[in-house]
Amino acid sequence: MDIEDLIHEAQKNCKAAEKCMFQMYAGKMLTLCRRYVKSPEDAEELLGNGFLKLFQSIPSFRYENDAAFYNWIKRIMINECLMFLRKKQAFKTVSESEAENCSLEEDLLDRLSTKQIFELILQLPVGYRTVFNLYELEGFTHAEIATSLGISIGTSKSQLNKAKLLLQKKIQSTEAYYAKQQRP
């Protein structure tokens, strides 16, 4: 069954179609939720809440194409994550000295696995991580981020810059650690 048919069946409250949709998208959406929250348990809860909202609002969804549906699901999950972070009042600023300017060797990222990079992003302070994810991974503009998070455009830009600098520092520290471990 294709996505359009699944949507039409889910709009008729067909539990089998909902289950199939969940199975199709849960893995990717859980990964998305994990980019915003550190705790796997919180990510799973957000995933469940997101799908609950999806199924509650699917009767009003108008199918255009598969990509539009995928983007709609992503938007629901991102909004769930942002609401969770706002409720937790998780956004905090980090001092400039923590995010001091540093340069990054071009091939340094190539020596780290995707999992290592993911873990380093998770170590960023919540505000930095959230803006970084929204801008770099989701493609939001600074205006959209500012609206979503209730911050100014300037703050969004500043948080992104600091996130990148801090991430560079963390990548360099990780590489230095692994280099020491591999020496005989």
Protein backbone atom coordinates (compact mmCIF):
# COMPACT_ATOMS: atom_id res chain seq x y z
CA MET A 1 0.00 0.00 0.00
CA ASP A 2 1.41 3.40 -0.91
CA ILE A 3 1.54 6.46 1.37
CA GLU A 4 -1.48 8.17 -0.18
CA ASP A 5 -3.63 5.07 0.38
CA LEU A 6 -2.35 4.76 3.96
CA ILE A 7 -3.27 8.38 4.63
CA HIS A 8 -6.78 7.89 3.27
CA GLU A 9 -7.23 4.76 5.38
CA ALA A 10 -5.86 6.50 8.50
CA GLN A 11 -8.27 9.36 7.86
CA LYS A 12 -11.04 6.74 8.19
CA ASN A 13 -9.55 5.80 11.59
CA CYS A 14 -8.10 2.52 10.30
CA LYS A 15 -5.77 1.27 13.06
CA ALA A 16 -3.89 -1.03 10.66
CA ALA A 17 -2.99 1.96 8.45
CA GLU A 18 -1.88 3.93 11.51
CA LYS A 19 0.27 1.03 12.66
CA CYS A 20 1.82 0.73 9.21
CA MET A 21 2.57 4.48 9.14
CA PHE A 22 4.14 4.27 12.57
CA GLN A 23 6.34 1.37 11.48
CA MET A 24 7.40 3.24 8.34
CA TYR A 25 8.40 6.48 10.05
CA ALA A 26 9.12 5.71 13.70
CA GLY A 27 12.83 5.00 13.25
CA LYS A 28 13.58 8.23 11.42
CA MET A 29 11.40 10.29 13.73
CA LEU A 30 12.98 8.78 16.84
CA THR A 31 16.40 9.77 15.48
CA LEU A 32 15.05 13.28 14.90
CA CYS A 33 13.74 13.48 18.48
CA ARG A 34 17.09 12.24 19.82
CA ARG A 35 18.81 15.18 18.15
CA TYR A 36 16.86 17.52 20.41
CA VAL A 37 16.76 15.66 23.73
CA LYS A 38 19.53 13.72 25.43
CA SER A 39 17.41 11.12 27.15
CA PRO A 40 16.31 8.15 24.98
CA GLU A 41 13.24 7.81 27.22
CA ASP A 42 12.24 11.44 26.59
CA ALA A 43 12.77 10.94 22.86
CA GLU A 44 10.50 7.88 22.88
CA GLU A 45 7.83 9.80 24.79
CA LEU A 46 8.05 12.67 22.30
CA LEU A 47 7.79 10.19 19.43
CA GLY A 48 4.61 8.73 20.91
CA ASN A 49 3.13 12.17 21.57
CA GLY A 50 4.02 13.26 18.05
CA PHE A 51 2.32 10.28 16.46
CA LEU A 52 -0.71 10.78 18.68
CA LYS A 53 -0.98 14.37 17.39
CA LEU A 54 -0.41 13.18 13.84
CA PHE A 55 -3.24 10.67 14.03
CA GLN A 56 -5.54 13.20 15.72
CA SER A 57 -4.96 15.77 12.99
CA ILE A 58 -4.64 13.47 9.97
CA PRO A 59 -8.34 13.88 9.04
CA SER A 60 -7.57 17.48 8.04
CA PHE A 61 -4.38 16.62 6.12
CA ARG A 62 -4.58 17.04 2.35
CA TYR A 63 -2.22 14.78 0.46
CA GLU A 64 -0.05 16.48 -2.17
CA ASN A 65 2.87 14.09 -2.38
CA ASP A 66 4.94 11.76 -0.22
CA ALA A 67 7.58 14.42 0.51
CA ALA A 68 4.97 16.86 1.79
CA PHE A 69 3.61 14.20 4.13
CA TYR A 70 7.10 13.36 5.41
CA ASN A 71 7.78 17.05 6.03
CA TRP A 72 4.48 17.37 7.88
CA ILE A 73 5.41 14.48 10.18
CA LYS A 74 8.85 16.02 10.75
CA ARG A 75 7.30 19.37 11.62
CA ILE A 76 4.97 17.75 14.17
CA MET A 77 7.91 15.95 15.81
CA ILE A 78 10.09 19.06 15.87
CA ASN A 79 7.26 21.05 17.44
CA GLU A 80 6.82 18.34 20.09
CA CYS A 81 10.53 18.54 20.90
CA LEU A 82 10.50 22.33 21.08
CA MET A 83 7.41 22.36 23.34
CA PHE A 84 9.11 19.81 25.61
CA LEU A 85 12.26 21.91 25.83
CA ARG A 86 10.29 25.09 26.54
CA LYS A 87 8.30 23.34 29.30
CA LYS A 88 11.54 22.17 30.87
CA GLN A 89 12.92 25.69 30.51
CA ALA A 90 15.96 23.93 29.14
CA PHE A 91 17.43 26.80 27.19
CA LYS A 92 20.46 28.33 28.79
CA THR A 93 23.26 30.51 27.59
CA VAL A 94 26.88 29.52 27.76
CA SER A 95 29.72 31.92 28.39
CA GLU A 96 31.75 33.23 25.48
CA SER A 97 34.90 31.59 26.85
CA GLU A 98 33.30 28.14 26.47
CA ALA A 99 32.67 28.82 22.82
CA GLU A 100 35.98 30.48 22.01
CA ASN A 101 37.16 30.62 18.43
CA CYS A 102 39.10 27.63 17.21
CA SER A 103 40.00 26.23 13.82
CA LEU A 104 39.28 22.74 12.62
CA GLU A 105 41.51 20.55 10.46
CA GLU A 106 39.69 19.71 7.24
CA ASP A 107 40.00 15.92 7.59
CA LEU A 108 39.21 15.82 11.31
CA LEU A 109 35.52 15.07 10.72
CA ASP A 110 36.44 12.24 8.37
CA ARG A 111 38.17 10.45 11.24
CA LEU A 112 35.05 10.50 13.43
CA SER A 113 32.08 8.19 12.98
CA THR A 114 28.57 9.49 12.51
CA LYS A 115 27.73 8.17 15.97
CA GLN A 116 30.64 10.11 17.52
CA ILE A 117 29.54 13.32 15.81
CA PHE A 118 25.94 12.73 16.94
CA GLU A 119 27.12 12.25 20.54
CA LEU A 120 29.16 15.46 20.36
CA ILE A 121 26.13 17.40 19.13
CA LEU A 122 24.11 15.97 22.04
CA GLN A 123 26.73 17.39 24.43
CA LEU A 124 26.03 20.95 23.29
CA PRO A 125 23.94 23.04 25.68
CA VAL A 126 20.24 22.74 24.85
CA GLY A 127 19.87 26.20 23.31
CA TYR A 128 22.91 25.81 21.10
CA ARG A 129 21.93 22.26 20.08
CA THR A 130 18.38 23.28 19.27
CA VAL A 131 19.35 26.23 17.08
CA PHE A 132 22.10 24.16 15.43
CA ASN A 133 19.66 21.34 14.62
CA LEU A 134 16.94 23.67 13.35
CA TYR A 135 19.30 25.67 11.13
CA GLU A 136 21.86 23.14 9.93
CA LEU A 137 19.82 19.94 9.84
CA GLU A 138 16.22 21.05 9.34
CA GLY A 139 16.90 24.05 7.10
CA PHE A 140 14.97 26.60 9.15
CA THR A 141 15.79 30.28 8.63
CA HIS A 142 16.84 32.42 11.57
CA ALA A 143 13.44 34.16 11.38
CA GLU A 144 11.65 30.79 11.65
CA ILE A 145 13.88 29.73 14.54
CA ALA A 146 13.28 33.02 16.33
CA THR A 147 9.52 32.59 15.99
CA SER A 148 9.57 28.92 17.05
CA LEU A 149 11.73 29.54 20.12
CA GLY A 150 10.49 33.00 21.10
CA ILE A 151 13.92 34.59 20.68
CA SER A 152 15.27 37.36 18.47
CA ILE A 153 16.86 36.70 15.09
CA GLY A 154 20.13 38.05 16.48
CA THR A 155 20.00 35.58 19.35
CA SER A 156 19.39 32.75 16.90
CA LYS A 157 22.41 33.77 14.85
CA SER A 158 24.54 34.15 17.96
CA GLN A 159 23.48 30.76 19.35
CA LEU A 160 24.29 29.11 16.02
CA ASN A 161 27.73 30.70 15.86
CA LYS A 162 28.50 29.69 19.45
CA ALA A 163 27.20 26.17 18.80
CA LYS A 164 29.53 25.77 15.84
CA LEU A 165 32.51 27.05 17.78
CA LEU A 166 31.80 24.84 20.77
CA LEU A 167 31.24 21.84 18.51
CA GLN A 168 34.59 22.47 16.83
CA LYS A 169 36.24 22.55 20.22
CA LYS A 170 34.55 19.29 21.24
CA ILE A 171 35.58 17.63 17.97
CA GLN A 172 39.18 18.67 18.50
CA SER A 173 39.13 17.37 22.08
CA THR A 174 37.69 14.06 20.95
CA GLU A 175 40.29 13.69 18.21
CA ALA A 176 43.09 14.47 20.66
CA TYR A 177 41.73 11.86 23.08
CA TYR A 178 41.55 9.15 20.39
CA ALA A 179 45.00 10.04 19.10
CA LYS A 180 46.44 9.47 22.60
CA GLN A 181 44.60 6.14 22.92
CA GLN A 182 46.10 4.82 19.68
CA ARG A 183 49.73 5.56 20.60
CA PRO A 184 51.74 2.49 21.65
